[in-house]
Every structure is written in C-alpha cells, then in structure tokens.
PDB file of N, CA and C in Angstrom:
ATOM      1  N   UNK A   1      61.414  27.590  52.756  1.00  0.00           N
ATOM      2  CA  UNK A   1      60.617  27.231  51.606  1.00  0.00           C
ATOM      3  C   UNK A   1      61.390  26.279  50.707  1.00  0.00           C
ATOM      4  N   UNK A   2      60.627  25.337  50.143  1.00  0.00           N
ATOM      5  CA  UNK A   2      61.217  24.377  49.225  1.00  0.00           C
ATOM      6  C   UNK A   2      60.754  24.754  47.830  1.00  0.00           C
ATOM      7  N   UNK A   3      61.683  24.819  46.910  1.00  0.00           N
ATOM      8  CA  UNK A   3      61.357  25.161  45.523  1.00  0.00           C
ATOM      9  C   UNK A   3      61.441  23.920  44.661  1.00  0.00           C
ATOM     10  N   UNK A   4      60.371  23.677  43.920  1.00  0.00           N
ATOM     11  CA  UNK A   4      60.343  22.552  42.998  1.00  0.00           C
ATOM     12  C   UNK A   4      60.059  23.123  41.629  1.00  0.00           C
ATOM     13  N   UNK A   5      60.963  22.915  40.702  1.00  0.00           N
ATOM     14  CA  UNK A   5      60.809  23.374  39.324  1.00  0.00           C
ATOM     15  C   UNK A   5      60.468  24.864  39.304  1.00  0.00           C
ATOM     16  N   UNK A   6      61.158  25.606  40.095  1.00  0.00           N
ATOM     17  CA  UNK A   6      61.069  27.066  40.182  1.00  0.00           C
ATOM     18  C   UNK A   6      59.719  27.565  40.694  1.00  0.00           C
ATOM     19  N   UNK A   7      58.901  26.669  41.271  1.00  0.00           N
ATOM     20  CA  UNK A   7      57.652  27.089  41.912  1.00  0.00           C
ATOM     21  C   UNK A   7      57.801  26.855  43.411  1.00  0.00           C
ATOM     22  N   UNK A   8      57.414  27.813  44.181  1.00  0.00           N
ATOM     23  CA  UNK A   8      57.548  27.625  45.631  1.00  0.00           C
ATOM     24  C   UNK A   8      56.496  26.648  46.144  1.00  0.00           C
ATOM     25  N   UNK A   9      56.872  25.857  47.132  1.00  0.00           N
ATOM     26  CA  UNK A   9      55.933  24.933  47.762  1.00  0.00           C
ATOM     27  C   UNK A   9      55.368  25.609  48.996  1.00  0.00           C
ATOM     28  N   UNK A  10      54.047  25.651  49.060  1.00  0.00           N
ATOM     29  CA  UNK A  10      53.400  26.227  50.227  1.00  0.00           C
ATOM     30  C   UNK A  10      52.752  25.103  51.017  1.00  0.00           C
ATOM     31  N   UNK A  11      52.930  25.077  52.287  1.00  0.00           N
ATOM     32  CA  UNK A  11      52.235  24.079  53.101  1.00  0.00           C
ATOM     33  C   UNK A  11      50.729  24.300  52.999  1.00  0.00           C
ATOM     34  N   UNK A  12      49.927  23.246  53.106  1.00  0.00           N
ATOM     35  CA  UNK A  12      48.482  23.377  52.924  1.00  0.00           C
ATOM     36  C   UNK A  12      47.829  24.403  53.843  1.00  0.00           C
ATOM     37  N   UNK A  13      48.359  24.550  55.066  1.00  0.00           N
ATOM     38  CA  UNK A  13      47.724  25.488  55.983  1.00  0.00           C
ATOM     39  C   UNK A  13      47.967  26.944  55.586  1.00  0.00           C
ATOM     40  N   UNK A  14      48.865  27.180  54.640  1.00  0.00           N
ATOM     41  CA  UNK A  14      49.120  28.542  54.176  1.00  0.00           C
ATOM     42  C   UNK A  14      48.395  28.863  52.865  1.00  0.00           C
ATOM     43  N   UNK A  15      47.765  27.865  52.277  1.00  0.00           N
ATOM     44  CA  UNK A  15      47.043  28.093  51.018  1.00  0.00           C
ATOM     45  C   UNK A  15      45.765  28.880  51.291  1.00  0.00           C
ATOM     46  N   UNK A  16      45.355  29.697  50.315  1.00  0.00           N
ATOM     47  CA  UNK A  16      44.087  30.425  50.501  1.00  0.00           C
ATOM     48  C   UNK A  16      42.904  29.445  50.443  1.00  0.00           C
ATOM     49  N   UNK A  17      41.815  29.838  51.068  1.00  0.00           N
ATOM     50  CA  UNK A  17      40.634  28.973  51.151  1.00  0.00           C
ATOM     51  C   UNK A  17      40.108  28.611  49.764  1.00  0.00           C
ATOM     52  N   UNK A  18      40.159  29.554  48.824  1.00  0.00           N
ATOM     53  CA  UNK A  18      39.665  29.282  47.470  1.00  0.00           C
ATOM     54  C   UNK A  18      40.439  28.145  46.814  1.00  0.00           C
ATOM     55  N   UNK A  19      41.745  28.100  47.026  1.00  0.00           N
ATOM     56  CA  UNK A  19      42.569  27.046  46.424  1.00  0.00           C
ATOM     57  C   UNK A  19      42.238  25.684  47.019  1.00  0.00           C
ATOM     58  N   UNK A  20      42.062  25.635  48.333  1.00  0.00           N
ATOM     59  CA  UNK A  20      41.730  24.368  48.992  1.00  0.00           C
ATOM     60  C   UNK A  20      40.353  23.890  48.541  1.00  0.00           C
ATOM     61  N   UNK A  21      39.394  24.801  48.511  1.00  0.00           N
ATOM     62  CA  UNK A  21      38.049  24.443  48.077  1.00  0.00           C
ATOM     63  C   UNK A  21      38.056  23.952  46.631  1.00  0.00           C
ATOM     64  N   UNK A  22      38.788  24.651  45.761  1.00  0.00           N
ATOM     65  CA  UNK A  22      38.866  24.243  44.355  1.00  0.00           C
ATOM     66  C   UNK A  22      39.501  22.862  44.225  1.00  0.00           C
ATOM     67  N   UNK A  23      40.513  22.577  45.030  1.00  0.00           N
ATOM     68  CA  UNK A  23      41.177  21.276  44.972  1.00  0.00           C
ATOM     69  C   UNK A  23      40.231  20.158  45.406  1.00  0.00           C
ATOM     70  N   UNK A  24      39.386  20.429  46.385  1.00  0.00           N
ATOM     71  CA  UNK A  24      38.455  19.403  46.852  1.00  0.00           C
ATOM     72  C   UNK A  24      37.269  19.231  45.907  1.00  0.00           C
ATOM     73  N   UNK A  25      36.863  20.295  45.264  1.00  0.00           N
ATOM     74  CA  UNK A  25      35.682  20.224  44.403  1.00  0.00           C
ATOM     75  C   UNK A  25      35.995  19.878  42.951  1.00  0.00           C
ATOM     76  N   UNK A  26      37.250  19.924  42.557  1.00  0.00           N
ATOM     77  CA  UNK A  26      37.609  19.696  41.155  1.00  0.00           C
ATOM     78  C   UNK A  26      37.195  18.311  40.653  1.00  0.00           C
ATOM     79  N   UNK A  27      37.495  17.208  41.357  1.00  0.00           N
ATOM     80  CA  UNK A  27      37.097  15.893  40.815  1.00  0.00           C
ATOM     81  C   UNK A  27      35.585  15.730  40.650  1.00  0.00           C
ATOM     82  N   UNK A  28      34.757  16.042  41.675  1.00  0.00           N
ATOM     83  CA  UNK A  28      33.311  15.896  41.440  1.00  0.00           C
ATOM     84  C   UNK A  28      32.792  16.868  40.389  1.00  0.00           C
ATOM     85  N   UNK A  29      33.356  18.063  40.349  1.00  0.00           N
ATOM     86  CA  UNK A  29      32.911  19.037  39.347  1.00  0.00           C
ATOM     87  C   UNK A  29      33.239  18.547  37.943  1.00  0.00           C
ATOM     88  N   UNK A  30      34.398  17.919  37.775  1.00  0.00           N
ATOM     89  CA  UNK A  30      34.771  17.396  36.458  1.00  0.00           C
ATOM     90  C   UNK A  30      33.816  16.276  36.039  1.00  0.00           C
ATOM     91  N   UNK A  31      33.450  15.422  36.988  1.00  0.00           N
ATOM     92  CA  UNK A  31      32.513  14.337  36.667  1.00  0.00           C
ATOM     93  C   UNK A  31      31.149  14.914  36.291  1.00  0.00           C
ATOM     94  N   UNK A  32      30.683  15.884  37.057  1.00  0.00           N
ATOM     95  CA  UNK A  32      29.404  16.523  36.748  1.00  0.00           C
ATOM     96  C   UNK A  32      29.457  17.215  35.393  1.00  0.00           C
ATOM     97  N   UNK A  33      30.584  17.864  35.116  1.00  0.00           N
ATOM     98  CA  UNK A  33      30.736  18.568  33.841  1.00  0.00           C
ATOM     99  C   UNK A  33      30.652  17.591  32.677  1.00  0.00           C
ATOM    100  N   UNK A  34      31.293  16.430  32.808  1.00  0.00           N
ATOM    101  CA  UNK A  34      31.245  15.459  31.707  1.00  0.00           C
ATOM    102  C   UNK A  34      29.834  14.894  31.546  1.00  0.00           C
ATOM    103  N   UNK A  35      29.132  14.661  32.666  1.00  0.00           N
ATOM    104  CA  UNK A  35      27.751  14.183  32.571  1.00  0.00           C
ATOM    105  C   UNK A  35      26.850  15.233  31.926  1.00  0.00           C
ATOM    106  N   UNK A  36      27.037  16.478  32.331  1.00  0.00           N
ATOM    107  CA  UNK A  36      26.223  17.549  31.748  1.00  0.00           C
ATOM    108  C   UNK A  36      26.526  17.731  30.263  1.00  0.00           C
ATOM    109  N   UNK A  37      27.790  17.593  29.894  1.00  0.00           N
ATOM    110  CA  UNK A  37      28.143  17.703  28.472  1.00  0.00           C
ATOM    111  C   UNK A  37      27.508  16.571  27.666  1.00  0.00           C
ATOM    112  N   UNK A  38      27.485  15.372  28.238  1.00  0.00           N
ATOM    113  CA  UNK A  38      26.849  14.245  27.544  1.00  0.00           C
ATOM    114  C   UNK A  38      25.351  14.495  27.390  1.00  0.00           C
ATOM    115  N   UNK A  39      24.710  14.982  28.455  1.00  0.00           N
ATOM    116  CA  UNK A  39      23.275  15.286  28.365  1.00  0.00           C
ATOM    117  C   UNK A  39      23.024  16.399  27.356  1.00  0.00           C
ATOM    118  N   UNK A  40      23.897  17.398  27.350  1.00  0.00           N
ATOM    119  CA  UNK A  40      23.746  18.503  26.401  1.00  0.00           C
ATOM    120  C   UNK A  40      23.832  17.990  24.967  1.00  0.00           C
ATOM    121  N   UNK A  41      24.788  17.114  24.696  1.00  0.00           N
ATOM    122  CA  UNK A  41      24.918  16.560  23.349  1.00  0.00           C
ATOM    123  C   UNK A  41      23.679  15.749  22.970  1.00  0.00           C
ATOM    124  N   UNK A  42      23.136  14.999  23.924  1.00  0.00           N
ATOM    125  CA  UNK A  42      21.922  14.223  23.663  1.00  0.00           C
ATOM    126  C   UNK A  42      20.757  15.139  23.335  1.00  0.00           C
ATOM    127  N   UNK A  43      20.593  16.195  24.137  1.00  0.00           N
ATOM    128  CA  UNK A  43      19.499  17.142  23.907  1.00  0.00           C
ATOM    129  C   UNK A  43      19.685  17.862  22.572  1.00  0.00           C
ATOM    130  N   UNK A  44      20.921  18.232  22.255  1.00  0.00           N
ATOM    131  CA  UNK A  44      21.174  18.907  20.979  1.00  0.00           C
ATOM    132  C   UNK A  44      20.853  17.995  19.801  1.00  0.00           C
ATOM    133  N   UNK A  45      21.203  16.723  19.903  1.00  0.00           N
ATOM    134  CA  UNK A  45      20.888  15.778  18.826  1.00  0.00           C
ATOM    135  C   UNK A  45      19.375  15.608  18.696  1.00  0.00           C
ATOM    136  N   UNK A  46      18.691  15.524  19.825  1.00  0.00           N
ATOM    137  CA  UNK A  46      17.226  15.403  19.803  1.00  0.00           C
ATOM    138  C   UNK A  46      16.606  16.655  19.189  1.00  0.00           C
ATOM    139  N   UNK A  47      17.116  17.813  19.566  1.00  0.00           N
ATOM    140  CA  UNK A  47      16.606  19.066  18.999  1.00  0.00           C
ATOM    141  C   UNK A  47      16.840  19.129  17.491  1.00  0.00           C
ATOM    142  N   UNK A  48      17.967  18.626  17.034  1.00  0.00           N
ATOM    143  CA  UNK A  48      18.245  18.625  15.596  1.00  0.00           C
ATOM    144  C   UNK A  48      17.238  17.739  14.862  1.00  0.00           C
ATOM    145  N   UNK A  49      16.913  16.571  15.462  1.00  0.00           N
ATOM    146  CA  UNK A  49      15.904  15.696  14.847  1.00  0.00           C
ATOM    147  C   UNK A  49      14.535  16.375  14.828  1.00  0.00           C
ATOM    148  N   UNK A  50      14.182  17.027  15.928  1.00  0.00           N
ATOM    149  CA  UNK A  50      12.901  17.736  15.982  1.00  0.00           C
ATOM    150  C   UNK A  50      12.853  18.856  14.946  1.00  0.00           C
ATOM    151  N   UNK A  51      13.966  19.553  14.791  1.00  0.00           N
ATOM    152  CA  UNK A  51      14.020  20.640  13.804  1.00  0.00           C
ATOM    153  C   UNK A  51      13.809  20.088  12.399  1.00  0.00           C
ATOM    154  N   UNK A  52      14.426  18.954  12.110  1.00  0.00           N
ATOM    155  CA  UNK A  52      14.251  18.332  10.793  1.00  0.00           C
ATOM    156  C   UNK A  52      12.800  17.899  10.592  1.00  0.00           C
ATOM    157  N   UNK A  53      12.191  17.331  11.641  1.00  0.00           N
ATOM    158  CA  UNK A  53      10.779  16.925  11.540  1.00  0.00           C
ATOM    159  C   UNK A  53       9.877  18.131  11.297  1.00  0.00           C
ATOM    160  N   UNK A  54      10.131  19.208  12.016  1.00  0.00           N
ATOM    161  CA  UNK A  54       9.314  20.415  11.856  1.00  0.00           C
ATOM    162  C   UNK A  54       9.484  20.989  10.455  1.00  0.00           C
ATOM    163  N   UNK A  55      10.710  21.009   9.949  1.00  0.00           N
ATOM    164  CA  UNK A  55      10.945  21.520   8.594  1.00  0.00           C
ATOM    165  C   UNK A  55      10.210  20.662   7.564  1.00  0.00           C
ATOM    166  N   UNK A  56      10.233  19.337   7.768  1.00  0.00           N
ATOM    167  CA  UNK A  56       9.517  18.437   6.854  1.00  0.00           C
ATOM    168  C   UNK A  56       8.014  18.692   6.925  1.00  0.00           C
ATOM    169  N   UNK A  57       7.497  18.846   8.126  1.00  0.00           N
ATOM    170  CA  UNK A  57       6.065  19.094   8.291  1.00  0.00           C
ATOM    171  C   UNK A  57       5.660  20.438   7.691  1.00  0.00           C
ATOM    172  N   UNK A  58       6.515  21.431   7.823  1.00  0.00           N
ATOM    173  CA  UNK A  58       6.213  22.727   7.207  1.00  0.00           C
ATOM    174  C   UNK A  58       6.128  22.591   5.691  1.00  0.00           C
ATOM    175  N   UNK A  59       7.024  21.795   5.116  1.00  0.00           N
ATOM    176  CA  UNK A  59       6.967  21.551   3.678  1.00  0.00           C
ATOM    177  C   UNK A  59       5.669  20.872   3.277  1.00  0.00           C
ATOM    178  N   UNK A  60       5.240  19.892   4.082  1.00  0.00           N
ATOM    179  CA  UNK A  60       3.975  19.211   3.791  1.00  0.00           C
ATOM    180  C   UNK A  60       2.800  20.178   3.892  1.00  0.00           C
ATOM    181  N   UNK A  61       2.818  21.028   4.915  1.00  0.00           N
ATOM    182  CA  UNK A  61       1.737  22.006   5.092  1.00  0.00           C
ATOM    183  C   UNK A  61       1.688  22.966   3.914  1.00  0.00           C
ATOM    184  N   UNK A  62       2.852  23.432   3.485  1.00  0.00           N
ATOM    185  CA  UNK A  62       2.890  24.351   2.345  1.00  0.00           C
ATOM    186  C   UNK A  62       2.357  23.678   1.082  1.00  0.00           C
ATOM    187  N   UNK A  63       2.700  22.403   0.888  1.00  0.00           N
ATOM    188  CA  UNK A  63       2.198  21.678  -0.285  1.00  0.00           C
ATOM    189  C   UNK A  63       0.682  21.515  -0.210  1.00  0.00           C
ATOM    190  N   UNK A  64       0.175  21.189   0.984  1.00  0.00           N
ATOM    191  CA  UNK A  64      -1.278  21.052   1.139  1.00  0.00           C
ATOM    192  C   UNK A  64      -1.989  22.379   0.893  1.00  0.00           C
ATOM    193  N   UNK A  65      -1.431  23.455   1.421  1.00  0.00           N
ATOM    194  CA  UNK A  65      -2.045  24.770   1.204  1.00  0.00           C
ATOM    195  C   UNK A  65      -2.019  25.158  -0.269  1.00  0.00           C
ATOM    196  N   UNK A  66      -0.939  24.818  -0.953  1.00  0.00           N
ATOM    197  CA  UNK A  66      -0.878  25.112  -2.389  1.00  0.00           C
ATOM    198  C   UNK A  66      -1.965  24.333  -3.122  1.00  0.00           C
ATOM    199  N   UNK A  67      -2.193  23.078  -2.719  1.00  0.00           N
ATOM    200  CA  UNK A  67      -3.263  22.287  -3.328  1.00  0.00           C
ATOM    201  C   UNK A  67      -4.631  22.886  -3.063  1.00  0.00           C
ATOM    202  N   UNK A  68      -4.864  23.345  -1.834  1.00  0.00           N
ATOM    203  CA  UNK A  68      -6.145  23.976  -1.503  1.00  0.00           C
ATOM    204  C   UNK A  68      -6.335  25.243  -2.327  1.00  0.00           C
ATOM    205  N   UNK A  69      -5.270  26.021  -2.473  1.00  0.00           N
ATOM    206  CA  UNK A  69      -5.369  27.248  -3.275  1.00  0.00           C
ATOM    207  C   UNK A  69      -5.698  26.938  -4.733  1.00  0.00           C
ATOM    208  N   UNK A  70      -5.117  25.845  -5.266  1.00  0.00           N
ATOM    209  CA  UNK A  70      -5.438  25.452  -6.643  1.00  0.00           C
ATOM    210  C   UNK A  70      -6.909  25.059  -6.765  1.00  0.00           C
ATOM    211  N   UNK A  71      -7.397  24.297  -5.789  1.00  0.00           N
ATOM    212  CA  UNK A  71      -8.804  23.881  -5.817  1.00  0.00           C
ATOM    213  C   UNK A  71      -9.710  25.103  -5.732  1.00  0.00           C
ATOM    214  N   UNK A  72      -9.384  26.039  -4.848  1.00  0.00           N
ATOM    215  CA  UNK A  72     -10.197  27.253  -4.732  1.00  0.00           C
ATOM    216  C   UNK A  72     -10.169  28.069  -6.021  1.00  0.00           C
ATOM    217  N   UNK A  73      -9.019  28.116  -6.675  1.00  0.00           N
ATOM    218  CA  UNK A  73      -8.937  28.833  -7.951  1.00  0.00           C
ATOM    219  C   UNK A  73      -9.802  28.137  -9.001  1.00  0.00           C
ATOM    220  N   UNK A  74      -9.773  26.796  -9.013  1.00  0.00           N
ATOM    221  CA  UNK A  74     -10.630  26.050  -9.945  1.00  0.00           C
ATOM    222  C   UNK A  74     -12.104  26.315  -9.661  1.00  0.00           C
ATOM    223  N   UNK A  75     -12.461  26.355  -8.385  1.00  0.00           N
ATOM    224  CA  UNK A  75     -13.852  26.630  -8.032  1.00  0.00           C
ATOM    225  C   UNK A  75     -14.247  28.048  -8.443  1.00  0.00           C
ATOM    226  N   UNK A  76     -13.334  28.980  -8.290  1.00  0.00           N
ATOM    227  CA  UNK A  76     -13.611  30.348  -8.731  1.00  0.00           C
ATOM    228  C   UNK A  76     -13.815  30.413 -10.231  1.00  0.00           C
ATOM    229  N   UNK A  77     -13.006  29.667 -10.962  1.00  0.00           N
ATOM    230  CA  UNK A  77     -13.170  29.619 -12.420  1.00  0.00           C
ATOM    231  C   UNK A  77     -14.489  28.989 -12.815  1.00  0.00           C
ATOM    232  N   UNK A  78     -14.850  27.904 -12.130  1.00  0.00           N
ATOM    233  CA  UNK A  78     -16.131  27.251 -12.425  1.00  0.00           C
ATOM    234  C   UNK A  78     -17.290  28.183 -12.104  1.00  0.00           C
ATOM    235  N   UNK A  79     -17.173  28.913 -11.021  1.00  0.00           N
ATOM    236  CA  UNK A  79     -18.222  29.866 -10.651  1.00  0.00           C
ATOM    237  C   UNK A  79     -18.350  30.964 -11.701  1.00  0.00           C
ATOM    238  N   UNK A  80     -17.224  31.434 -12.195  1.00  0.00           N
ATOM    239  CA  UNK A  80     -17.261  32.468 -13.236  1.00  0.00           C
ATOM    240  C   UNK A  80     -17.922  31.932 -14.502  1.00  0.00           C
ATOM    241  N   UNK A  81     -17.639  30.670 -14.850  1.00  0.00           N
ATOM    242  CA  UNK A  81     -18.281  30.077 -16.022  1.00  0.00           C
ATOM    243  C   UNK A  81     -19.781  29.929 -15.805  1.00  0.00           C
ATOM    244  N   UNK A  82     -20.153  29.558 -14.597  1.00  0.00           N
ATOM    245  CA  UNK A  82     -21.574  29.401 -14.295  1.00  0.00           C
ATOM    246  C   UNK A  82     -22.302  30.741 -14.311  1.00  0.00           C
ATOM    247  N   UNK A  83     -21.639  31.803 -13.909  1.00  0.00           N
ATOM    248  CA  UNK A  83     -22.275  33.128 -13.922  1.00  0.00           C
ATOM    249  C   UNK A  83     -22.782  33.477 -15.313  1.00  0.00           C
ATOM    250  N   UNK A  84     -22.058  33.013 -16.313  1.00  0.00           N
ATOM    251  CA  UNK A  84     -22.439  33.337 -17.691  1.00  0.00           C
ATOM    252  C   UNK A  84     -23.739  32.634 -18.099  1.00  0.00           C
ATOM    253  N   UNK A  85     -24.041  31.479 -17.510  1.00  0.00           N
ATOM    254  CA  UNK A  85     -25.224  30.727 -17.935  1.00  0.00           C
ATOM    255  C   UNK A  85     -26.344  30.710 -16.896  1.00  0.00           C
ATOM    256  N   UNK A  86     -26.112  31.308 -15.739  1.00  0.00           N
ATOM    257  CA  UNK A  86     -27.116  31.257 -14.672  1.00  0.00           C
ATOM    258  C   UNK A  86     -28.424  31.909 -15.098  1.00  0.00           C
ATOM    259  N   UNK A  87     -28.352  33.048 -15.725  1.00  0.00           N
ATOM    260  CA  UNK A  87     -29.587  33.740 -16.124  1.00  0.00           C
ATOM    261  C   UNK A  87     -30.383  32.902 -17.120  1.00  0.00           C
ATOM    262  N   UNK A  88     -29.695  32.296 -18.082  1.00  0.00           N
ATOM    263  CA  UNK A  88     -30.385  31.418 -19.036  1.00  0.00           C
ATOM    264  C   UNK A  88     -31.007  30.221 -18.316  1.00  0.00           C
ATOM    265  N   UNK A  89     -30.284  29.665 -17.374  1.00  0.00           N
ATOM    266  CA  UNK A  89     -30.780  28.522 -16.615  1.00  0.00           C
ATOM    267  C   UNK A  89     -32.012  28.908 -15.785  1.00  0.00           C
ATOM    268  N   UNK A  90     -31.990  30.081 -15.182  1.00  0.00           N
ATOM    269  CA  UNK A  90     -33.153  30.567 -14.429  1.00  0.00           C
ATOM    270  C   UNK A  90     -34.383  30.691 -15.331  1.00  0.00           C
ATOM    271  N   UNK A  91     -34.164  31.288 -16.482  1.00  0.00           N
ATOM    272  CA  UNK A  91     -35.267  31.488 -17.427  1.00  0.00           C
ATOM    273  C   UNK A  91     -35.850  30.147 -17.853  1.00  0.00           C
ATOM    274  N   UNK A  92     -34.970  29.203 -18.194  1.00  0.00           N
ATOM    275  CA  UNK A  92     -35.437  27.887 -18.625  1.00  0.00           C
ATOM    276  C   UNK A  92     -36.172  27.169 -17.494  1.00  0.00           C
ATOM    277  N   UNK A  93     -35.704  27.317 -16.279  1.00  0.00           N
ATOM    278  CA  UNK A  93     -36.355  26.683 -15.131  1.00  0.00           C
ATOM    279  C   UNK A  93     -37.742  27.258 -14.911  1.00  0.00           C
ATOM    280  N   UNK A  94     -37.860  28.577 -14.989  1.00  0.00           N
ATOM    281  CA  UNK A  94     -39.176  29.212 -14.831  1.00  0.00           C
ATOM    282  C   UNK A  94     -40.149  28.743 -15.916  1.00  0.00           C
ATOM    283  N   UNK A  95     -39.651  28.675 -17.149  1.00  0.00           N
ATOM    284  CA  UNK A  95     -40.505  28.220 -18.253  1.00  0.00           C
ATOM    285  C   UNK A  95     -40.957  26.782 -18.032  1.00  0.00           C
ATOM    286  N   UNK A  96     -40.026  25.933 -17.553  1.00  0.00           N
ATOM    287  CA  UNK A  96     -40.378  24.534 -17.313  1.00  0.00           C
ATOM    288  C   UNK A  96     -41.407  24.426 -16.198  1.00  0.00           C
ATOM    289  N   UNK A  97     -41.257  25.231 -15.154  1.00  0.00           N
ATOM    290  CA  UNK A  97     -42.229  25.209 -14.056  1.00  0.00           C
ATOM    291  C   UNK A  97     -43.610  25.667 -14.532  1.00  0.00           C
ATOM    292  N   UNK A  98     -43.620  26.706 -15.372  1.00  0.00           N
ATOM    293  CA  UNK A  98     -44.897  27.196 -15.897  1.00  0.00           C
ATOM    294  C   UNK A  98     -45.554  26.146 -16.792  1.00  0.00           C
ATOM    295  N   UNK A  99     -44.753  25.469 -17.608  1.00  0.00           N
ATOM    296  CA  UNK A  99     -45.290  24.423 -18.481  1.00  0.00           C
ATOM    297  C   UNK A  99     -45.861  23.273 -17.656  1.00  0.00           C
ATOM    298  N   UNK A 100     -45.196  22.917 -16.576  1.00  0.00           N
ATOM    299  CA  UNK A 100     -45.649  21.806 -15.743  1.00  0.00           C
ATOM    300  C   UNK A 100     -46.883  22.192 -14.926  1.00  0.00           C
ATOM    301  N   UNK A 101     -46.978  23.451 -14.577  1.00  0.00           N
ATOM    302  CA  UNK A 101     -48.138  23.905 -13.795  1.00  0.00           C
ATOM    303  C   UNK A 101     -49.392  23.892 -14.648  1.00  0.00           C
ATOM    304  N   UNK A 102     -49.223  24.064 -15.929  1.00  0.00           N
ATOM    305  CA  UNK A 102     -50.358  24.027 -16.840  1.00  0.00           C
ATOM    306  C   UNK A 102     -51.094  25.364 -16.875  1.00  0.00           C
ATOM    307  N   UNK A 103     -52.162  25.383 -17.742  1.00  0.00           N
ATOM    308  CA  UNK A 103     -52.908  26.650 -17.914  1.00  0.00           C
ATOM    309  C   UNK A 103     -53.778  27.009 -16.762  1.00  0.00           C
TER     310      UNK A 103
END
C-alpha cells in the first residue's frame, strides 16, 4: 500500500461499488443540481411576485367591499327615513287618485 498524506491509496478495483458510482455520477449530478437551484430561485422569485400581486388584490377587494358596505348602510338609512313618511305618502296618493277619479 502507498500512503499519501496519511491516507491509504486503494487501487480502483478494490474500491466499493458505491464509491465508484459516486465518482462517475458526481460531475453530472453537480451540473443538474446547479440547474435545479437556478430554476428553484426563478420559481421562488415568481412566487414572491405572485404573492405580492395577490396581497395587493386582496387589499383592493377589501376596499371595494368596504365601499359596498357603506352604500348599503346609506341605503338602509334612506329606507328608515322613508319608512317615516310612507304612510303619509300613501294617504296623499289615495286622496289624489280619488280627486282625479271625480265624483
């Protein structure tokens, strides 16, 4: 056995199959890993933009709903005001119809 820097040198035919396979697959695996990491970063950046868009849209939806709620509250108030005069309006309408119909 030859020792280099206190590590024994093993001839390739004595190496375990896992070591040989790892040595052959390491370069392509590293290239694939870097490509996958680049794609992952791209997807993460795209997802961050989508998240920001969704958050903005949620804010717009909440503002629109608040506006609709204000309009509905105004309509409820107007309806309550009308309730107070509806009976008088009915009476006046009936009287006007009777006057127009004649004797």
